[in-house]
N, C-alpha and C. Protein backbone atom coordinates (compact mmCIF):
# COMPACT_ATOMS: atom_id res chain seq x y z
N MET A 1 102.19 190.37 87.62
CA MET A 1 101.87 190.33 89.03
C MET A 1 101.56 191.74 89.53
N THR A 2 100.63 191.82 90.40
CA THR A 2 100.30 193.12 90.99
C THR A 2 101.23 193.37 92.18
N LYS A 3 101.21 194.62 92.64
CA LYS A 3 102.06 194.97 93.77
C LYS A 3 101.70 194.16 95.01
N VAL A 4 100.41 193.90 95.22
CA VAL A 4 99.96 193.14 96.39
C VAL A 4 100.48 191.71 96.30
N SER A 5 100.36 191.08 95.13
CA SER A 5 100.81 189.70 95.01
C SER A 5 102.34 189.60 95.11
N ILE A 6 103.06 190.61 94.64
CA ILE A 6 104.52 190.62 94.78
C ILE A 6 104.89 190.71 96.25
N LYS A 7 104.19 191.57 97.02
CA LYS A 7 104.45 191.68 98.45
C LYS A 7 104.16 190.36 99.15
N ASN A 8 103.01 189.73 98.80
CA ASN A 8 102.65 188.45 99.41
C ASN A 8 103.70 187.38 99.09
N TYR A 9 104.15 187.35 97.84
CA TYR A 9 105.17 186.39 97.42
C TYR A 9 106.47 186.61 98.19
N ALA A 10 106.88 187.88 98.30
CA ALA A 10 108.10 188.21 99.03
C ALA A 10 107.98 187.81 100.50
N ARG A 11 106.81 188.06 101.09
CA ARG A 11 106.58 187.70 102.49
C ARG A 11 106.63 186.18 102.65
N ASP A 12 105.97 185.44 101.74
CA ASP A 12 105.96 183.98 101.82
C ASP A 12 107.37 183.40 101.67
N VAL A 13 108.16 183.97 100.77
CA VAL A 13 109.53 183.51 100.58
C VAL A 13 110.33 183.76 101.85
N LYS A 14 110.15 184.93 102.46
CA LYS A 14 110.87 185.27 103.69
C LYS A 14 110.49 184.32 104.82
N VAL A 15 109.19 184.00 104.95
CA VAL A 15 108.73 183.09 105.99
C VAL A 15 109.32 181.70 105.76
N SER A 16 109.27 181.20 104.52
CA SER A 16 109.79 179.86 104.26
C SER A 16 111.31 179.83 104.43
N ARG A 17 112.00 180.91 104.09
CA ARG A 17 113.44 180.97 104.29
C ARG A 17 113.76 180.95 105.78
N THR A 18 112.98 181.68 106.57
CA THR A 18 113.18 181.70 108.02
C THR A 18 112.96 180.31 108.60
N GLN A 19 111.90 179.63 108.16
CA GLN A 19 111.64 178.27 108.64
C GLN A 19 112.77 177.34 108.22
N SER A 20 113.24 177.50 107.00
CA SER A 20 114.34 176.68 106.50
C SER A 20 115.61 176.94 107.31
N ASP A 21 115.88 178.21 107.61
CA ASP A 21 117.05 178.56 108.41
C ASP A 21 116.95 177.97 109.82
N GLN A 22 115.75 178.01 110.40
CA GLN A 22 115.55 177.44 111.73
C GLN A 22 115.78 175.93 111.70
N LEU A 23 115.29 175.27 110.66
CA LEU A 23 115.48 173.83 110.53
C LEU A 23 116.97 173.50 110.39
N LYS A 24 117.67 174.24 109.55
CA LYS A 24 119.11 174.01 109.38
C LYS A 24 119.86 174.25 110.69
N PHE A 25 119.46 175.29 111.42
CA PHE A 25 120.09 175.58 112.71
C PHE A 25 119.89 174.41 113.67
N LYS A 26 118.66 173.89 113.75
CA LYS A 26 118.37 172.76 114.64
C LYS A 26 119.15 171.52 114.21
N GLN A 27 119.25 171.30 112.90
CA GLN A 27 120.02 170.16 112.40
C GLN A 27 121.50 170.31 112.75
N ASN A 28 122.02 171.53 112.62
CA ASN A 28 123.43 171.77 112.95
C ASN A 28 123.70 171.55 114.43
N ILE A 29 122.76 171.96 115.28
CA ILE A 29 122.90 171.72 116.72
C ILE A 29 122.91 170.22 116.99
N LEU A 30 122.01 169.48 116.35
CA LEU A 30 121.95 168.03 116.51
C LEU A 30 123.26 167.39 116.05
N VAL A 31 123.76 167.80 114.91
CA VAL A 31 125.02 167.27 114.37
C VAL A 31 126.17 167.53 115.35
N LEU A 32 126.29 168.75 115.83
CA LEU A 32 127.36 169.08 116.79
C LEU A 32 127.21 168.29 118.09
N PHE A 33 125.98 168.10 118.53
CA PHE A 33 125.71 167.32 119.75
C PHE A 33 126.17 165.88 119.56
N ILE A 34 125.81 165.27 118.44
CA ILE A 34 126.18 163.87 118.18
C ILE A 34 127.70 163.72 118.08
N ILE A 35 128.34 164.62 117.36
CA ILE A 35 129.81 164.57 117.23
C ILE A 35 130.45 164.71 118.61
N THR A 36 129.98 165.68 119.39
CA THR A 36 130.56 165.95 120.71
C THR A 36 130.35 164.77 121.65
N ILE A 37 129.15 164.21 121.69
CA ILE A 37 128.86 163.07 122.57
C ILE A 37 129.75 161.88 122.21
N ASN A 38 129.85 161.57 120.93
CA ASN A 38 130.69 160.44 120.51
C ASN A 38 132.15 160.68 120.88
N PHE A 39 132.63 161.89 120.63
CA PHE A 39 134.02 162.23 120.96
C PHE A 39 134.25 162.13 122.47
N LEU A 40 133.33 162.70 123.27
CA LEU A 40 133.51 162.70 124.72
C LEU A 40 133.41 161.30 125.32
N LEU A 41 132.46 160.48 124.83
CA LEU A 41 132.37 159.10 125.32
C LEU A 41 133.68 158.36 125.06
N ASP A 42 134.24 158.58 123.89
CA ASP A 42 135.51 157.95 123.56
C ASP A 42 136.63 158.45 124.47
N ARG A 43 136.74 159.77 124.62
CA ARG A 43 137.82 160.34 125.44
C ARG A 43 137.70 159.88 126.89
N ILE A 44 136.49 159.93 127.44
CA ILE A 44 136.29 159.52 128.84
C ILE A 44 136.66 158.06 129.03
N SER A 45 136.22 157.20 128.10
CA SER A 45 136.53 155.77 128.23
C SER A 45 138.03 155.53 128.14
N LYS A 46 138.71 156.24 127.25
CA LYS A 46 140.16 156.04 127.10
C LYS A 46 140.93 156.58 128.30
N ILE A 47 140.54 157.73 128.80
CA ILE A 47 141.20 158.28 130.00
C ILE A 47 141.01 157.33 131.17
N TRP A 48 139.80 156.81 131.32
CA TRP A 48 139.51 155.88 132.41
C TRP A 48 140.37 154.62 132.28
N ILE A 49 140.43 154.06 131.09
CA ILE A 49 141.16 152.80 130.91
C ILE A 49 142.66 153.01 131.07
N ILE A 50 143.18 154.13 130.59
CA ILE A 50 144.61 154.42 130.76
C ILE A 50 144.94 154.56 132.24
N ASN A 51 144.10 155.27 132.99
CA ASN A 51 144.32 155.40 134.44
C ASN A 51 144.18 154.06 135.15
N PHE A 52 143.19 153.27 134.72
CA PHE A 52 142.94 151.96 135.33
C PHE A 52 144.17 151.05 135.19
N PHE A 53 144.77 151.06 134.01
CA PHE A 53 145.90 150.18 133.75
C PHE A 53 147.25 150.81 134.12
N SER A 54 147.26 152.01 134.64
CA SER A 54 148.53 152.65 135.01
C SER A 54 149.17 151.98 136.22
N SER A 55 148.41 151.17 136.94
CA SER A 55 148.94 150.47 138.12
C SER A 55 149.82 149.28 137.75
N GLY A 56 149.90 148.96 136.48
CA GLY A 56 150.74 147.84 136.05
C GLY A 56 149.94 146.64 135.61
N GLN A 57 148.67 146.58 135.98
CA GLN A 57 147.81 145.49 135.53
C GLN A 57 147.64 145.63 134.02
N ASN A 58 147.64 144.51 133.29
CA ASN A 58 147.53 144.64 131.84
C ASN A 58 146.29 143.99 131.25
N GLU A 59 145.49 143.30 132.08
CA GLU A 59 144.26 142.71 131.57
C GLU A 59 143.24 142.65 132.69
N TYR A 60 141.98 142.88 132.34
CA TYR A 60 140.90 142.82 133.32
C TYR A 60 139.79 141.94 132.76
N TYR A 61 139.53 140.82 133.42
CA TYR A 61 138.52 139.86 133.00
C TYR A 61 137.14 140.38 133.40
N ILE A 62 136.20 140.42 132.44
CA ILE A 62 134.84 140.85 132.74
C ILE A 62 133.89 139.67 132.70
N ASN A 63 133.90 138.91 131.62
CA ASN A 63 133.09 137.70 131.49
C ASN A 63 133.74 136.79 130.45
N PRO A 64 133.18 135.61 130.18
CA PRO A 64 133.84 134.68 129.25
C PRO A 64 134.00 135.22 127.82
N PHE A 65 133.36 136.33 127.50
CA PHE A 65 133.43 136.86 126.13
C PHE A 65 134.09 138.23 126.04
N LEU A 66 134.37 138.84 127.18
CA LEU A 66 134.85 140.22 127.16
C LEU A 66 135.93 140.45 128.21
N ASN A 67 137.03 141.02 127.76
CA ASN A 67 138.11 141.47 128.65
C ASN A 67 138.43 142.92 128.30
N PHE A 68 139.04 143.61 129.23
CA PHE A 68 139.67 144.89 128.94
C PHE A 68 141.17 144.64 128.96
N ILE A 69 141.84 145.07 127.92
CA ILE A 69 143.28 144.94 127.82
C ILE A 69 143.78 146.18 127.07
N LEU A 70 144.75 146.86 127.62
CA LEU A 70 145.23 148.10 126.99
C LEU A 70 146.32 147.78 125.98
N ILE A 71 146.05 148.13 124.74
CA ILE A 71 147.01 147.96 123.65
C ILE A 71 147.16 149.31 122.96
N TRP A 72 148.39 149.74 122.77
CA TRP A 72 148.65 151.01 122.08
C TRP A 72 148.84 150.71 120.61
N ASN A 73 147.85 151.07 119.82
CA ASN A 73 147.85 150.80 118.38
C ASN A 73 148.55 151.95 117.67
N LYS A 74 149.74 151.67 117.17
CA LYS A 74 150.48 152.69 116.42
C LYS A 74 150.18 152.60 114.93
N GLY A 75 149.39 151.60 114.56
CA GLY A 75 149.01 151.45 113.16
C GLY A 75 147.79 152.30 112.84
N ILE A 76 147.21 152.03 111.71
CA ILE A 76 146.08 152.83 111.25
C ILE A 76 144.76 152.19 111.66
N ALA A 77 144.45 151.04 111.13
CA ALA A 77 143.21 150.35 111.48
C ALA A 77 143.56 148.91 111.84
N PHE A 78 143.15 148.47 113.01
CA PHE A 78 143.42 147.13 113.50
C PHE A 78 144.92 146.82 113.50
N GLY A 79 145.75 147.85 113.68
CA GLY A 79 147.18 147.68 113.77
C GLY A 79 147.93 147.63 112.45
N PHE A 80 147.23 147.76 111.32
CA PHE A 80 147.90 147.75 110.02
C PHE A 80 148.77 148.99 109.88
N PHE A 81 149.84 148.89 109.13
CA PHE A 81 150.79 149.98 108.87
C PHE A 81 151.40 150.50 110.17
N ASP A 82 151.77 149.58 111.05
CA ASP A 82 152.37 149.95 112.33
C ASP A 82 153.83 150.32 112.11
N SER A 83 154.06 151.59 111.86
CA SER A 83 155.43 152.06 111.68
C SER A 83 155.47 153.56 111.91
N GLU A 84 156.66 154.08 112.04
CA GLU A 84 156.81 155.51 112.25
C GLU A 84 157.58 156.12 111.09
N ASN A 85 157.28 155.69 109.89
CA ASN A 85 158.00 156.21 108.73
C ASN A 85 157.09 157.12 107.90
N LEU A 86 157.54 157.43 106.73
CA LEU A 86 156.81 158.34 105.85
C LEU A 86 155.41 157.81 105.53
N THR A 87 155.27 156.50 105.36
CA THR A 87 153.96 155.91 105.06
C THR A 87 152.96 156.25 106.16
N TYR A 88 153.38 156.11 107.42
CA TYR A 88 152.51 156.41 108.56
C TYR A 88 152.06 157.87 108.51
N HIS A 89 152.97 158.77 108.26
CA HIS A 89 152.63 160.19 108.23
C HIS A 89 151.74 160.53 107.03
N MET A 90 151.98 159.88 105.91
CA MET A 90 151.14 160.11 104.73
C MET A 90 149.72 159.60 104.97
N ILE A 91 149.61 158.46 105.63
CA ILE A 91 148.28 157.93 105.93
C ILE A 91 147.58 158.82 106.94
N SER A 92 148.31 159.35 107.91
CA SER A 92 147.71 160.30 108.87
C SER A 92 147.21 161.55 108.16
N LEU A 93 147.97 162.03 107.19
CA LEU A 93 147.53 163.18 106.39
C LEU A 93 146.28 162.82 105.59
N ALA A 94 146.24 161.62 105.04
CA ALA A 94 145.06 161.17 104.30
C ALA A 94 143.84 161.11 105.21
N ILE A 95 144.03 160.66 106.45
CA ILE A 95 142.93 160.62 107.41
C ILE A 95 142.41 162.03 107.67
N PHE A 96 143.31 162.99 107.82
CA PHE A 96 142.91 164.38 108.03
C PHE A 96 142.08 164.89 106.85
N ILE A 97 142.49 164.57 105.65
CA ILE A 97 141.75 164.98 104.45
C ILE A 97 140.38 164.31 104.42
N ILE A 98 140.33 163.04 104.78
CA ILE A 98 139.05 162.32 104.82
C ILE A 98 138.12 162.95 105.86
N LEU A 99 138.66 163.34 107.01
CA LEU A 99 137.84 164.01 108.03
C LEU A 99 137.24 165.29 107.47
N GLY A 100 138.05 166.05 106.74
CA GLY A 100 137.54 167.27 106.10
C GLY A 100 136.45 166.96 105.10
N PHE A 101 136.61 165.88 104.36
CA PHE A 101 135.59 165.47 103.39
C PHE A 101 134.29 165.07 104.09
N ILE A 102 134.39 164.39 105.23
CA ILE A 102 133.19 164.02 105.98
C ILE A 102 132.47 165.27 106.47
N VAL A 103 133.22 166.25 106.95
CA VAL A 103 132.61 167.52 107.36
C VAL A 103 131.88 168.15 106.18
N TYR A 104 132.52 168.16 105.02
CA TYR A 104 131.89 168.70 103.81
C TYR A 104 130.60 167.94 103.48
N MET A 105 130.63 166.61 103.60
CA MET A 105 129.43 165.80 103.31
C MET A 105 128.31 166.13 104.28
N ILE A 106 128.64 166.34 105.55
CA ILE A 106 127.62 166.70 106.54
C ILE A 106 126.99 168.04 106.18
N ILE A 107 127.82 169.00 105.84
CA ILE A 107 127.33 170.34 105.53
C ILE A 107 126.47 170.33 104.27
N SER A 108 126.88 169.57 103.26
CA SER A 108 126.19 169.62 101.97
C SER A 108 124.98 168.69 101.89
N SER A 109 124.83 167.76 102.83
CA SER A 109 123.72 166.82 102.77
C SER A 109 122.40 167.49 103.15
N ASN A 110 121.35 167.12 102.45
CA ASN A 110 120.00 167.59 102.79
C ASN A 110 119.21 166.51 103.52
N ASN A 111 119.81 165.36 103.72
CA ASN A 111 119.16 164.22 104.35
C ASN A 111 119.58 164.16 105.82
N ILE A 112 118.64 164.35 106.73
CA ILE A 112 118.97 164.41 108.16
C ILE A 112 119.52 163.08 108.65
N PHE A 113 118.99 161.96 108.16
CA PHE A 113 119.50 160.66 108.59
C PHE A 113 120.96 160.49 108.16
N GLU A 114 121.27 160.93 106.96
CA GLU A 114 122.65 160.87 106.46
C GLU A 114 123.56 161.75 107.32
N LYS A 115 123.08 162.93 107.70
CA LYS A 115 123.86 163.83 108.56
C LYS A 115 124.14 163.16 109.91
N ILE A 116 123.15 162.47 110.45
CA ILE A 116 123.31 161.79 111.73
C ILE A 116 124.35 160.68 111.62
N CYS A 117 124.23 159.87 110.56
CA CYS A 117 125.20 158.78 110.35
C CYS A 117 126.61 159.32 110.23
N LEU A 118 126.78 160.34 109.42
CA LEU A 118 128.10 160.94 109.23
C LEU A 118 128.63 161.57 110.52
N SER A 119 127.72 162.12 111.33
CA SER A 119 128.13 162.73 112.60
C SER A 119 128.62 161.67 113.58
N ILE A 120 127.95 160.53 113.62
CA ILE A 120 128.40 159.42 114.47
C ILE A 120 129.79 158.98 114.04
N LEU A 121 129.95 158.79 112.74
CA LEU A 121 131.23 158.38 112.16
C LEU A 121 132.32 159.42 112.48
N LEU A 122 132.01 160.69 112.27
CA LEU A 122 132.99 161.76 112.48
C LEU A 122 133.39 161.87 113.95
N GLY A 123 132.43 161.75 114.85
CA GLY A 123 132.75 161.81 116.28
C GLY A 123 133.76 160.74 116.67
N GLY A 124 133.56 159.53 116.16
CA GLY A 124 134.51 158.45 116.42
C GLY A 124 135.85 158.69 115.77
N ALA A 125 135.83 159.11 114.52
CA ALA A 125 137.08 159.34 113.79
C ALA A 125 137.90 160.45 114.45
N LEU A 126 137.23 161.48 114.93
CA LEU A 126 137.95 162.56 115.63
C LEU A 126 138.60 162.06 116.91
N GLY A 127 137.92 161.14 117.61
CA GLY A 127 138.50 160.56 118.82
C GLY A 127 139.81 159.85 118.55
N ASN A 128 139.81 159.00 117.53
CA ASN A 128 141.04 158.28 117.19
C ASN A 128 142.11 159.22 116.62
N PHE A 129 141.68 160.21 115.85
CA PHE A 129 142.65 161.16 115.28
C PHE A 129 143.30 161.99 116.39
N PHE A 130 142.50 162.39 117.38
CA PHE A 130 143.05 163.11 118.53
C PHE A 130 144.14 162.28 119.21
N ASP A 131 143.86 161.00 119.44
CA ASP A 131 144.84 160.12 120.08
C ASP A 131 146.11 160.01 119.24
N ARG A 132 145.94 159.90 117.95
CA ARG A 132 147.09 159.78 117.04
C ARG A 132 147.99 161.02 117.17
N LEU A 133 147.37 162.19 117.31
CA LEU A 133 148.16 163.41 117.47
C LEU A 133 148.74 163.55 118.87
N TYR A 134 147.95 163.21 119.89
CA TYR A 134 148.36 163.43 121.28
C TYR A 134 149.33 162.36 121.78
N TYR A 135 148.99 161.08 121.52
CA TYR A 135 149.81 159.97 122.03
C TYR A 135 150.73 159.35 120.97
N GLN A 136 150.55 159.70 119.72
CA GLN A 136 151.19 159.04 118.58
C GLN A 136 150.79 157.57 118.50
N ALA A 137 149.66 157.24 119.10
CA ALA A 137 149.09 155.89 119.07
C ALA A 137 147.65 155.99 119.56
N VAL A 138 146.88 154.96 119.28
CA VAL A 138 145.48 154.93 119.70
C VAL A 138 145.33 153.84 120.76
N PRO A 139 144.82 154.19 121.96
CA PRO A 139 144.61 153.16 122.97
C PRO A 139 143.36 152.33 122.66
N ASP A 140 143.57 151.05 122.40
CA ASP A 140 142.47 150.11 122.19
C ASP A 140 142.38 149.25 123.44
N PHE A 141 141.15 148.86 123.82
CA PHE A 141 141.04 148.13 125.09
C PHE A 141 139.89 147.13 125.16
N ILE A 142 138.98 147.12 124.23
CA ILE A 142 137.84 146.20 124.28
C ILE A 142 138.23 144.93 123.53
N ASP A 143 138.28 143.82 124.26
CA ASP A 143 138.70 142.54 123.71
C ASP A 143 137.52 141.57 123.75
N LEU A 144 136.82 141.45 122.62
CA LEU A 144 135.75 140.46 122.49
C LEU A 144 136.36 139.15 122.03
N HIS A 145 135.93 138.05 122.64
CA HIS A 145 136.52 136.77 122.25
C HIS A 145 135.55 135.63 122.52
N TYR A 146 135.83 134.52 121.88
CA TYR A 146 135.11 133.28 122.14
C TYR A 146 136.17 132.20 122.28
N ASN A 147 136.27 131.62 123.46
CA ASN A 147 137.33 130.67 123.78
C ASN A 147 138.68 131.30 123.45
N ASN A 148 139.45 130.69 122.56
CA ASN A 148 140.76 131.23 122.22
C ASN A 148 140.75 132.12 120.99
N PHE A 149 139.58 132.33 120.39
CA PHE A 149 139.50 133.21 119.23
C PHE A 149 139.23 134.64 119.72
N HIS A 150 140.18 135.50 119.48
CA HIS A 150 140.05 136.91 119.88
C HIS A 150 139.90 137.76 118.64
N TRP A 151 138.88 138.60 118.63
CA TRP A 151 138.69 139.57 117.57
C TRP A 151 139.71 140.68 117.79
N PHE A 152 139.82 141.61 116.84
CA PHE A 152 140.71 142.75 117.03
C PHE A 152 140.30 143.51 118.29
N VAL A 153 141.27 144.00 119.02
CA VAL A 153 140.99 144.84 120.18
C VAL A 153 140.64 146.23 119.64
N PHE A 154 139.59 146.83 120.19
CA PHE A 154 139.09 148.10 119.65
C PHE A 154 138.69 149.03 120.78
N ASN A 155 138.13 150.19 120.42
CA ASN A 155 137.74 151.19 121.42
C ASN A 155 136.37 151.78 121.06
N VAL A 156 135.92 152.73 121.84
CA VAL A 156 134.60 153.34 121.64
C VAL A 156 134.54 154.09 120.31
N SER A 157 135.62 154.74 119.91
CA SER A 157 135.64 155.41 118.60
C SER A 157 135.40 154.43 117.47
N ASP A 158 136.03 153.26 117.57
CA ASP A 158 135.85 152.24 116.54
C ASP A 158 134.38 151.80 116.45
N ILE A 159 133.73 151.73 117.60
CA ILE A 159 132.30 151.38 117.61
C ILE A 159 131.50 152.46 116.89
N SER A 160 131.77 153.72 117.20
CA SER A 160 131.06 154.83 116.54
C SER A 160 131.29 154.82 115.04
N ILE A 161 132.54 154.61 114.63
CA ILE A 161 132.85 154.59 113.20
C ILE A 161 132.10 153.45 112.52
N THR A 162 132.11 152.27 113.13
CA THR A 162 131.43 151.11 112.56
C THR A 162 129.93 151.34 112.47
N ILE A 163 129.32 151.85 113.53
CA ILE A 163 127.88 152.13 113.51
C ILE A 163 127.55 153.15 112.43
N GLY A 164 128.34 154.22 112.34
CA GLY A 164 128.11 155.23 111.31
C GLY A 164 128.16 154.64 109.91
N ILE A 165 129.16 153.80 109.64
CA ILE A 165 129.30 153.19 108.32
C ILE A 165 128.15 152.24 108.03
N ILE A 166 127.78 151.41 109.00
CA ILE A 166 126.67 150.47 108.80
C ILE A 166 125.37 151.22 108.52
N LEU A 167 125.10 152.27 109.28
CA LEU A 167 123.88 153.06 109.05
C LEU A 167 123.91 153.75 107.69
N LEU A 168 125.07 154.23 107.26
CA LEU A 168 125.18 154.83 105.92
C LEU A 168 124.91 153.79 104.83
N LEU A 169 125.43 152.58 105.01
CA LEU A 169 125.18 151.52 104.04
C LEU A 169 123.70 151.16 103.98
N ILE A 170 123.07 151.06 105.14
CA ILE A 170 121.63 150.78 105.19
C ILE A 170 120.86 151.90 104.50
N ASN A 171 121.24 153.14 104.76
CA ASN A 171 120.60 154.29 104.12
C ASN A 171 120.72 154.20 102.60
N GLU A 172 121.92 153.86 102.11
CA GLU A 172 122.13 153.75 100.66
C GLU A 172 121.32 152.60 100.07
N LEU A 173 121.22 151.49 100.79
CA LEU A 173 120.41 150.36 100.31
C LEU A 173 118.94 150.75 100.21
N ILE A 174 118.46 151.46 101.21
CA ILE A 174 117.06 151.91 101.20
C ILE A 174 116.83 152.89 100.06
N LYS A 175 117.75 153.85 99.89
CA LYS A 175 117.60 154.81 98.78
C LYS A 175 117.65 154.10 97.44
N GLY A 176 118.52 153.11 97.30
CA GLY A 176 118.62 152.35 96.05
C GLY A 176 117.35 151.56 95.78
N LYS A 177 116.76 150.98 96.83
CA LYS A 177 115.51 150.23 96.68
C LYS A 177 114.37 151.16 96.29
N GLU A 178 114.33 152.35 96.89
CA GLU A 178 113.29 153.32 96.55
C GLU A 178 113.39 153.74 95.09
N LYS A 179 114.62 153.89 94.58
CA LYS A 179 114.80 154.27 93.18
C LYS A 179 114.35 153.17 92.24
N THR A 180 114.61 151.90 92.60
CA THR A 180 114.20 150.80 91.73
C THR A 180 112.70 150.57 91.80
N ASP A 181 112.06 150.94 92.91
CA ASP A 181 110.61 150.80 93.04
C ASP A 181 109.85 151.84 92.23
N GLU A 182 110.51 152.94 91.87
CA GLU A 182 109.83 154.03 91.16
C GLU A 182 109.57 153.69 89.74
């Protein structure tokens, strides 16, 4: 290579690195925005519902399929492992480790859609984890039902977690289909 072509190559690498850095910066801003919005929507909804039910009312009828009812979930998911023993604390520690792993996956992923899915999931998971630390329980309040069949009572964080997982599964199915088509 001549000196001129080495300079051109170095300049081109610097330009592409700068563009790559700008793209990563924009992606990181998007990721932080999604996590923050999901966390804040969850916190605002829970603060509102806790204040709403502080008057002693325990259920609010919205329509034939939806009620608001405040339930303090001391368990992990859908009330499972509802106890205050070593198992509960070990599972809480496991959740903390999983949150760290999700952060690692977001940082290491090169797929923007995957980063978005993980950010939605993480925003919700952080909301429930915050409640677990602050209240030692998670306030659930959305009661979907049909006649006398009631689904698990859940919250906005649970919605974010579910959407994040469903989108990740769809992403994996699409990636798997693309690999088999090749």
